[in-house]
Amino acid sequence: MDWRDRIAVDPDVVFGKPRIKGTRLSVEFLMGLFGAGWSEQQVLESYPQLAREDLQALFALAAEMIAEEGFVIAGKLAA
């Protein structure tokens, strides 16, 4: 999936944060829902303007960012 088909950046919408095209739902907000334990079904039911493909685009973007930029966790890791 090419996330660019579903994710847009506009400096005049949600402070220029990446968002799902046609919405004001930022990638950051939606990823936070998943991080808080929401299921795909909960997100789609709560935000009916989203499609399953929009959520796939979130993860495609995240995967690409991690692969290209690397990923570092700051602080101590639990032993």
PDB file of N, CA and C in Angstrom:
ATOM      1  N   MET A   1       0.844  -1.184   0.000  1.00  0.00           N
ATOM      2  CA  MET A   1       0.000   0.000   0.000  1.00  0.00           C
ATOM      3  C   MET A   1       0.882   1.238   0.000  1.00  0.00           C
ATOM      4  N   ASP A   2       0.515   2.197  -0.814  1.00  0.00           N
ATOM      5  CA  ASP A   2       1.203   3.481  -0.815  1.00  0.00           C
ATOM      6  C   ASP A   2       0.410   4.427   0.089  1.00  0.00           C
ATOM      7  N   TRP A   3       0.955   4.715   1.252  1.00  0.00           N
ATOM      8  CA  TRP A   3       0.247   5.546   2.231  1.00  0.00           C
ATOM      9  C   TRP A   3      -0.058   6.937   1.687  1.00  0.00           C
ATOM     10  N   ARG A   4       0.677   7.395   0.695  1.00  0.00           N
ATOM     11  CA  ARG A   4       0.471   8.739   0.128  1.00  0.00           C
ATOM     12  C   ARG A   4      -0.907   8.883  -0.521  1.00  0.00           C
ATOM     13  N   ASP A   5      -1.519   7.757  -0.867  1.00  0.00           N
ATOM     14  CA  ASP A   5      -2.858   7.801  -1.450  1.00  0.00           C
ATOM     15  C   ASP A   5      -3.910   8.196  -0.418  1.00  0.00           C
ATOM     16  N   ARG A   6      -3.603   8.029   0.873  1.00  0.00           N
ATOM     17  CA  ARG A   6      -4.609   8.232   1.908  1.00  0.00           C
ATOM     18  C   ARG A   6      -4.207   9.229   2.991  1.00  0.00           C
ATOM     19  N   ILE A   7      -2.946   9.629   3.014  1.00  0.00           N
ATOM     20  CA  ILE A   7      -2.471  10.545   4.056  1.00  0.00           C
ATOM     21  C   ILE A   7      -1.980  11.825   3.400  1.00  0.00           C
ATOM     22  N   ALA A   8      -2.388  12.949   3.982  1.00  0.00           N
ATOM     23  CA  ALA A   8      -2.027  14.257   3.436  1.00  0.00           C
ATOM     24  C   ALA A   8      -1.396  15.119   4.515  1.00  0.00           C
ATOM     25  N   VAL A   9      -0.634  16.116   4.065  1.00  0.00           N
ATOM     26  CA  VAL A   9      -0.070  17.127   4.960  1.00  0.00           C
ATOM     27  C   VAL A   9      -0.411  18.485   4.354  1.00  0.00           C
ATOM     28  N   ASP A  10      -1.051  19.312   5.167  1.00  0.00           N
ATOM     29  CA  ASP A  10      -1.423  20.665   4.743  1.00  0.00           C
ATOM     30  C   ASP A  10      -1.139  21.581   5.926  1.00  0.00           C
ATOM     31  N   PRO A  11      -0.299  22.588   5.751  1.00  0.00           N
ATOM     32  CA  PRO A  11       0.051  23.453   6.880  1.00  0.00           C
ATOM     33  C   PRO A  11      -1.147  24.176   7.496  1.00  0.00           C
ATOM     34  N   ASP A  12      -2.268  24.231   6.781  1.00  0.00           N
ATOM     35  CA  ASP A  12      -3.457  24.911   7.288  1.00  0.00           C
ATOM     36  C   ASP A  12      -4.453  23.982   7.965  1.00  0.00           C
ATOM     37  N   VAL A  13      -4.139  22.699   8.038  1.00  0.00           N
ATOM     38  CA  VAL A  13      -5.053  21.727   8.648  1.00  0.00           C
ATOM     39  C   VAL A  13      -4.299  20.967   9.736  1.00  0.00           C
ATOM     40  N   VAL A  14      -4.877  20.873  10.899  1.00  0.00           N
ATOM     41  CA  VAL A  14      -4.306  20.232  12.096  1.00  0.00           C
ATOM     42  C   VAL A  14      -2.822  20.553  12.275  1.00  0.00           C
ATOM     43  N   PHE A  15      -2.511  21.823  12.168  1.00  0.00           N
ATOM     44  CA  PHE A  15      -1.157  22.328  12.420  1.00  0.00           C
ATOM     45  C   PHE A  15      -0.105  21.695  11.516  1.00  0.00           C
ATOM     46  N   GLY A  16      -0.517  21.235  10.343  1.00  0.00           N
ATOM     47  CA  GLY A  16       0.424  20.652   9.396  1.00  0.00           C
ATOM     48  C   GLY A  16       0.821  19.218   9.695  1.00  0.00           C
ATOM     49  N   LYS A  17       0.152  18.601  10.662  1.00  0.00           N
ATOM     50  CA  LYS A  17       0.465  17.206  10.983  1.00  0.00           C
ATOM     51  C   LYS A  17      -0.113  16.285   9.901  1.00  0.00           C
ATOM     52  N   PRO A  18       0.533  15.166   9.642  1.00  0.00           N
ATOM     53  CA  PRO A  18      -0.041  14.206   8.698  1.00  0.00           C
ATOM     54  C   PRO A  18      -1.423  13.776   9.181  1.00  0.00           C
ATOM     55  N   ARG A  19      -2.369  13.675   8.244  1.00  0.00           N
ATOM     56  CA  ARG A  19      -3.746  13.329   8.590  1.00  0.00           C
ATOM     57  C   ARG A  19      -4.336  12.485   7.480  1.00  0.00           C
ATOM     58  N   ILE A  20      -5.442  11.831   7.799  1.00  0.00           N
ATOM     59  CA  ILE A  20      -6.161  11.071   6.790  1.00  0.00           C
ATOM     60  C   ILE A  20      -6.822  12.067   5.848  1.00  0.00           C
ATOM     61  N   LYS A  21      -6.606  11.889   4.552  1.00  0.00           N
ATOM     62  CA  LYS A  21      -7.176  12.804   3.561  1.00  0.00           C
ATOM     63  C   LYS A  21      -8.686  12.934   3.754  1.00  0.00           C
ATOM     64  N   GLY A  22      -9.162  14.159   3.613  1.00  0.00           N
ATOM     65  CA  GLY A  22     -10.589  14.419   3.726  1.00  0.00           C
ATOM     66  C   GLY A  22     -11.101  14.491   5.151  1.00  0.00           C
ATOM     67  N   THR A  23     -10.196  14.404   6.130  1.00  0.00           N
ATOM     68  CA  THR A  23     -10.592  14.471   7.541  1.00  0.00           C
ATOM     69  C   THR A  23      -9.640  15.404   8.283  1.00  0.00           C
ATOM     70  N   ARG A  24      -9.950  15.632   9.538  1.00  0.00           N
ATOM     71  CA  ARG A  24      -9.055  16.353  10.432  1.00  0.00           C
ATOM     72  C   ARG A  24      -8.454  15.384  11.457  1.00  0.00           C
ATOM     73  N   LEU A  25      -8.485  14.100  11.156  1.00  0.00           N
ATOM     74  CA  LEU A  25      -7.952  13.072  12.049  1.00  0.00           C
ATOM     75  C   LEU A  25      -6.478  12.860  11.750  1.00  0.00           C
ATOM     76  N   SER A  26      -5.632  13.275  12.699  1.00  0.00           N
ATOM     77  CA  SER A  26      -4.189  13.177  12.473  1.00  0.00           C
ATOM     78  C   SER A  26      -3.699  11.749  12.685  1.00  0.00           C
ATOM     79  N   VAL A  27      -2.616  11.447  12.015  1.00  0.00           N
ATOM     80  CA  VAL A  27      -1.943  10.160  12.188  1.00  0.00           C
ATOM     81  C   VAL A  27      -1.564   9.986  13.655  1.00  0.00           C
ATOM     82  N   GLU A  28      -1.053  11.052  14.259  1.00  0.00           N
ATOM     83  CA  GLU A  28      -0.649  11.002  15.669  1.00  0.00           C
ATOM     84  C   GLU A  28      -1.826  10.608  16.563  1.00  0.00           C
ATOM     85  N   PHE A  29      -2.979  11.243  16.346  1.00  0.00           N
ATOM     86  CA  PHE A  29      -4.165  10.948  17.156  1.00  0.00           C
ATOM     87  C   PHE A  29      -4.590   9.490  16.992  1.00  0.00           C
ATOM     88  N   LEU A  30      -4.681   9.049  15.753  1.00  0.00           N
ATOM     89  CA  LEU A  30      -5.143   7.684  15.501  1.00  0.00           C
ATOM     90  C   LEU A  30      -4.164   6.652  16.020  1.00  0.00           C
ATOM     91  N   MET A  31      -2.865   6.878  15.843  1.00  0.00           N
ATOM     92  CA  MET A  31      -1.882   5.942  16.388  1.00  0.00           C
ATOM     93  C   MET A  31      -1.957   5.912  17.912  1.00  0.00           C
ATOM     94  N   GLY A  32      -2.260   7.053  18.506  1.00  0.00           N
ATOM     95  CA  GLY A  32      -2.441   7.105  19.961  1.00  0.00           C
ATOM     96  C   GLY A  32      -3.599   6.229  20.423  1.00  0.00           C
ATOM     97  N   LEU A  33      -4.674   6.183  19.635  1.00  0.00           N
ATOM     98  CA  LEU A  33      -5.803   5.310  19.985  1.00  0.00           C
ATOM     99  C   LEU A  33      -5.359   3.853  19.998  1.00  0.00           C
ATOM    100  N   PHE A  34      -4.601   3.456  18.972  1.00  0.00           N
ATOM    101  CA  PHE A  34      -4.107   2.075  18.945  1.00  0.00           C
ATOM    102  C   PHE A  34      -3.152   1.819  20.104  1.00  0.00           C
ATOM    103  N   GLY A  35      -2.326   2.788  20.413  1.00  0.00           N
ATOM    104  CA  GLY A  35      -1.397   2.657  21.537  1.00  0.00           C
ATOM    105  C   GLY A  35      -2.123   2.534  22.867  1.00  0.00           C
ATOM    106  N   ALA A  36      -3.318   3.119  22.936  1.00  0.00           N
ATOM    107  CA  ALA A  36      -4.123   3.046  24.158  1.00  0.00           C
ATOM    108  C   ALA A  36      -4.958   1.768  24.225  1.00  0.00           C
ATOM    109  N   GLY A  37      -4.833   0.930  23.192  1.00  0.00           N
ATOM    110  CA  GLY A  37      -5.510  -0.360  23.229  1.00  0.00           C
ATOM    111  C   GLY A  37      -6.777  -0.463  22.403  1.00  0.00           C
ATOM    112  N   TRP A  38      -7.106   0.580  21.654  1.00  0.00           N
ATOM    113  CA  TRP A  38      -8.292   0.505  20.807  1.00  0.00           C
ATOM    114  C   TRP A  38      -8.073  -0.534  19.713  1.00  0.00           C
ATOM    115  N   SER A  39      -9.123  -1.217  19.339  1.00  0.00           N
ATOM    116  CA  SER A  39      -9.061  -2.165  18.230  1.00  0.00           C
ATOM    117  C   SER A  39      -9.414  -1.448  16.930  1.00  0.00           C
ATOM    118  N   GLU A  40      -9.081  -2.086  15.829  1.00  0.00           N
ATOM    119  CA  GLU A  40      -9.459  -1.545  14.520  1.00  0.00           C
ATOM    120  C   GLU A  40     -10.971  -1.331  14.460  1.00  0.00           C
ATOM    121  N   GLN A  41     -11.723  -2.297  14.957  1.00  0.00           N
ATOM    122  CA  GLN A  41     -13.183  -2.205  14.936  1.00  0.00           C
ATOM    123  C   GLN A  41     -13.671  -0.997  15.745  1.00  0.00           C
ATOM    124  N   GLN A  42     -13.087  -0.759  16.914  1.00  0.00           N
ATOM    125  CA  GLN A  42     -13.487   0.384  17.731  1.00  0.00           C
ATOM    126  C   GLN A  42     -13.220   1.707  17.008  1.00  0.00           C
ATOM    127  N   VAL A  43     -12.064   1.798  16.364  1.00  0.00           N
ATOM    128  CA  VAL A  43     -11.720   3.029  15.651  1.00  0.00           C
ATOM    129  C   VAL A  43     -12.692   3.245  14.498  1.00  0.00           C
ATOM    130  N   LEU A  44     -12.937   2.213  13.715  1.00  0.00           N
ATOM    131  CA  LEU A  44     -13.826   2.354  12.567  1.00  0.00           C
ATOM    132  C   LEU A  44     -15.263   2.661  12.985  1.00  0.00           C
ATOM    133  N   GLU A  45     -15.714   2.086  14.079  1.00  0.00           N
ATOM    134  CA  GLU A  45     -17.070   2.371  14.561  1.00  0.00           C
ATOM    135  C   GLU A  45     -17.172   3.785  15.124  1.00  0.00           C
ATOM    136  N   SER A  46     -16.122   4.258  15.778  1.00  0.00           N
ATOM    137  CA  SER A  46     -16.134   5.586  16.382  1.00  0.00           C
ATOM    138  C   SER A  46     -15.933   6.696  15.358  1.00  0.00           C
ATOM    139  N   TYR A  47     -15.267   6.383  14.270  1.00  0.00           N
ATOM    140  CA  TYR A  47     -14.962   7.366  13.219  1.00  0.00           C
ATOM    141  C   TYR A  47     -15.393   6.785  11.875  1.00  0.00           C
ATOM    142  N   PRO A  48     -16.709   6.793  11.601  1.00  0.00           N
ATOM    143  CA  PRO A  48     -17.226   6.131  10.395  1.00  0.00           C
ATOM    144  C   PRO A  48     -16.733   6.741   9.083  1.00  0.00           C
ATOM    145  N   GLN A  49     -16.114   7.910   9.131  1.00  0.00           N
ATOM    146  CA  GLN A  49     -15.558   8.496   7.914  1.00  0.00           C
ATOM    147  C   GLN A  49     -14.272   7.792   7.484  1.00  0.00           C
ATOM    148  N   LEU A  50     -13.745   6.922   8.337  1.00  0.00           N
ATOM    149  CA  LEU A  50     -12.529   6.177   8.019  1.00  0.00           C
ATOM    150  C   LEU A  50     -12.858   4.853   7.353  1.00  0.00           C
ATOM    151  N   ALA A  51     -11.943   4.415   6.505  1.00  0.00           N
ATOM    152  CA  ALA A  51     -12.024   3.092   5.890  1.00  0.00           C
ATOM    153  C   ALA A  51     -10.860   2.250   6.417  1.00  0.00           C
ATOM    154  N   ARG A  52     -11.005   0.963   6.301  1.00  0.00           N
ATOM    155  CA  ARG A  52      -9.939   0.057   6.740  1.00  0.00           C
ATOM    156  C   ARG A  52      -8.616   0.409   6.051  1.00  0.00           C
ATOM    157  N   GLU A  53      -8.686   0.809   4.788  1.00  0.00           N
ATOM    158  CA  GLU A  53      -7.489   1.175   4.036  1.00  0.00           C
ATOM    159  C   GLU A  53      -6.795   2.401   4.630  1.00  0.00           C
ATOM    160  N   ASP A  54      -7.564   3.288   5.253  1.00  0.00           N
ATOM    161  CA  ASP A  54      -6.952   4.443   5.930  1.00  0.00           C
ATOM    162  C   ASP A  54      -6.075   3.976   7.082  1.00  0.00           C
ATOM    163  N   LEU A  55      -6.560   2.983   7.810  1.00  0.00           N
ATOM    164  CA  LEU A  55      -5.789   2.464   8.934  1.00  0.00           C
ATOM    165  C   LEU A  55      -4.554   1.711   8.446  1.00  0.00           C
ATOM    166  N   GLN A  56      -4.685   1.001   7.345  1.00  0.00           N
ATOM    167  CA  GLN A  56      -3.524   0.331   6.768  1.00  0.00           C
ATOM    168  C   GLN A  56      -2.471   1.362   6.375  1.00  0.00           C
ATOM    169  N   ALA A  57      -2.919   2.512   5.877  1.00  0.00           N
ATOM    170  CA  ALA A  57      -1.992   3.574   5.492  1.00  0.00           C
ATOM    171  C   ALA A  57      -1.223   4.096   6.701  1.00  0.00           C
ATOM    172  N   LEU A  58      -1.881   4.180   7.869  1.00  0.00           N
ATOM    173  CA  LEU A  58      -1.196   4.613   9.099  1.00  0.00           C
ATOM    174  C   LEU A  58       0.010   3.724   9.378  1.00  0.00           C
ATOM    175  N   PHE A  59      -0.220   2.427   9.310  1.00  0.00           N
ATOM    176  CA  PHE A  59       0.844   1.488   9.635  1.00  0.00           C
ATOM    177  C   PHE A  59       1.898   1.428   8.541  1.00  0.00           C
ATOM    178  N   ALA A  60       1.483   1.617   7.298  1.00  0.00           N
ATOM    179  CA  ALA A  60       2.461   1.668   6.207  1.00  0.00           C
ATOM    180  C   ALA A  60       3.383   2.866   6.383  1.00  0.00           C
ATOM    181  N   LEU A  61       2.829   4.010   6.759  1.00  0.00           N
ATOM    182  CA  LEU A  61       3.636   5.204   7.017  1.00  0.00           C
ATOM    183  C   LEU A  61       4.586   4.965   8.181  1.00  0.00           C
ATOM    184  N   ALA A  62       4.071   4.413   9.264  1.00  0.00           N
ATOM    185  CA  ALA A  62       4.915   4.151  10.433  1.00  0.00           C
ATOM    186  C   ALA A  62       6.054   3.199  10.084  1.00  0.00           C
ATOM    187  N   ALA A  63       5.749   2.150   9.351  1.00  0.00           N
ATOM    188  CA  ALA A  63       6.779   1.182   8.963  1.00  0.00           C
ATOM    189  C   ALA A  63       7.852   1.840   8.102  1.00  0.00           C
ATOM    190  N   GLU A  64       7.423   2.676   7.173  1.00  0.00           N
ATOM    191  CA  GLU A  64       8.390   3.354   6.309  1.00  0.00           C
ATOM    192  C   GLU A  64       9.256   4.325   7.094  1.00  0.00           C
ATOM    193  N   MET A  65       8.651   5.047   8.011  1.00  0.00           N
ATOM    194  CA  MET A  65       9.418   6.003   8.816  1.00  0.00           C
ATOM    195  C   MET A  65      10.464   5.295   9.663  1.00  0.00           C
ATOM    196  N   ILE A  66      10.092   4.191  10.259  1.00  0.00           N
ATOM    197  CA  ILE A  66      11.035   3.452  11.095  1.00  0.00           C
ATOM    198  C   ILE A  66      12.158   2.862  10.241  1.00  0.00           C
ATOM    199  N   ALA A  67      11.802   2.341   9.087  1.00  0.00           N
ATOM    200  CA  ALA A  67      12.808   1.739   8.214  1.00  0.00           C
ATOM    201  C   ALA A  67      13.792   2.782   7.687  1.00  0.00           C
ATOM    202  N   GLU A  68      13.294   3.957   7.341  1.00  0.00           N
ATOM    203  CA  GLU A  68      14.150   4.981   6.753  1.00  0.00           C
ATOM    204  C   GLU A  68      14.935   5.768   7.792  1.00  0.00           C
ATOM    205  N   GLU A  69      14.326   6.077   8.895  1.00  0.00           N
ATOM    206  CA  GLU A  69      14.944   6.945   9.890  1.00  0.00           C
ATOM    207  C   GLU A  69      15.624   6.170  11.006  1.00  0.00           C
ATOM    208  N   GLY A  70      15.318   4.919  11.136  1.00  0.00           N
ATOM    209  CA  GLY A  70      15.821   4.165  12.282  1.00  0.00           C
ATOM    210  C   GLY A  70      14.911   4.407  13.468  1.00  0.00           C
ATOM    211  N   PHE A  71      15.153   3.714  14.525  1.00  0.00           N
ATOM    212  CA  PHE A  71      14.281   3.805  15.686  1.00  0.00           C
ATOM    213  C   PHE A  71      15.119   3.663  16.940  1.00  0.00           C
ATOM    214  N   VAL A  72      15.044   4.658  17.800  1.00  0.00           N
ATOM    215  CA  VAL A  72      15.815   4.651  19.028  1.00  0.00           C
ATOM    216  C   VAL A  72      14.873   4.928  20.189  1.00  0.00           C
ATOM    217  N   ILE A  73      14.984   4.137  21.229  1.00  0.00           N
ATOM    218  CA  ILE A  73      14.213   4.375  22.436  1.00  0.00           C
ATOM    219  C   ILE A  73      15.137   5.069  23.429  1.00  0.00           C
ATOM    220  N   ALA A  74      14.730   6.258  23.846  1.00  0.00           N
ATOM    221  CA  ALA A  74      15.537   7.017  24.801  1.00  0.00           C
ATOM    222  C   ALA A  74      15.259   6.493  26.210  1.00  0.00           C
ATOM    223  N   GLY A  75      16.263   6.565  27.050  1.00  0.00           N
ATOM    224  CA  GLY A  75      16.093   6.151  28.440  1.00  0.00           C
ATOM    225  C   GLY A  75      16.554   4.725  28.665  1.00  0.00           C
ATOM    226  N   LYS A  76      16.278   4.249  29.852  1.00  0.00           N
ATOM    227  CA  LYS A  76      16.718   2.906  30.242  1.00  0.00           C
ATOM    228  C   LYS A  76      15.679   1.874  29.850  1.00  0.00           C
ATOM    229  N   LEU A  77      16.153   0.728  29.450  1.00  0.00           N
ATOM    230  CA  LEU A  77      15.268  -0.394  29.167  1.00  0.00           C
ATOM    231  C   LEU A  77      15.138  -1.227  30.438  1.00  0.00           C
ATOM    232  N   ALA A  78      13.956  -1.750  30.675  1.00  0.00           N
ATOM    233  CA  ALA A  78      13.744  -2.575  31.850  1.00  0.00           C
ATOM    234  C   ALA A  78      14.564  -3.855  31.750  1.00  0.00           C
ATOM    235  N   ALA A  79      15.125  -4.264  32.850  1.00  0.00           N
ATOM    236  CA  ALA A  79      15.953  -5.476  32.870  1.00  0.00           C
ATOM    237  C   ALA A  79      15.089  -6.703  32.993  1.00  0.00           C
TER     238      ALA A  79
END
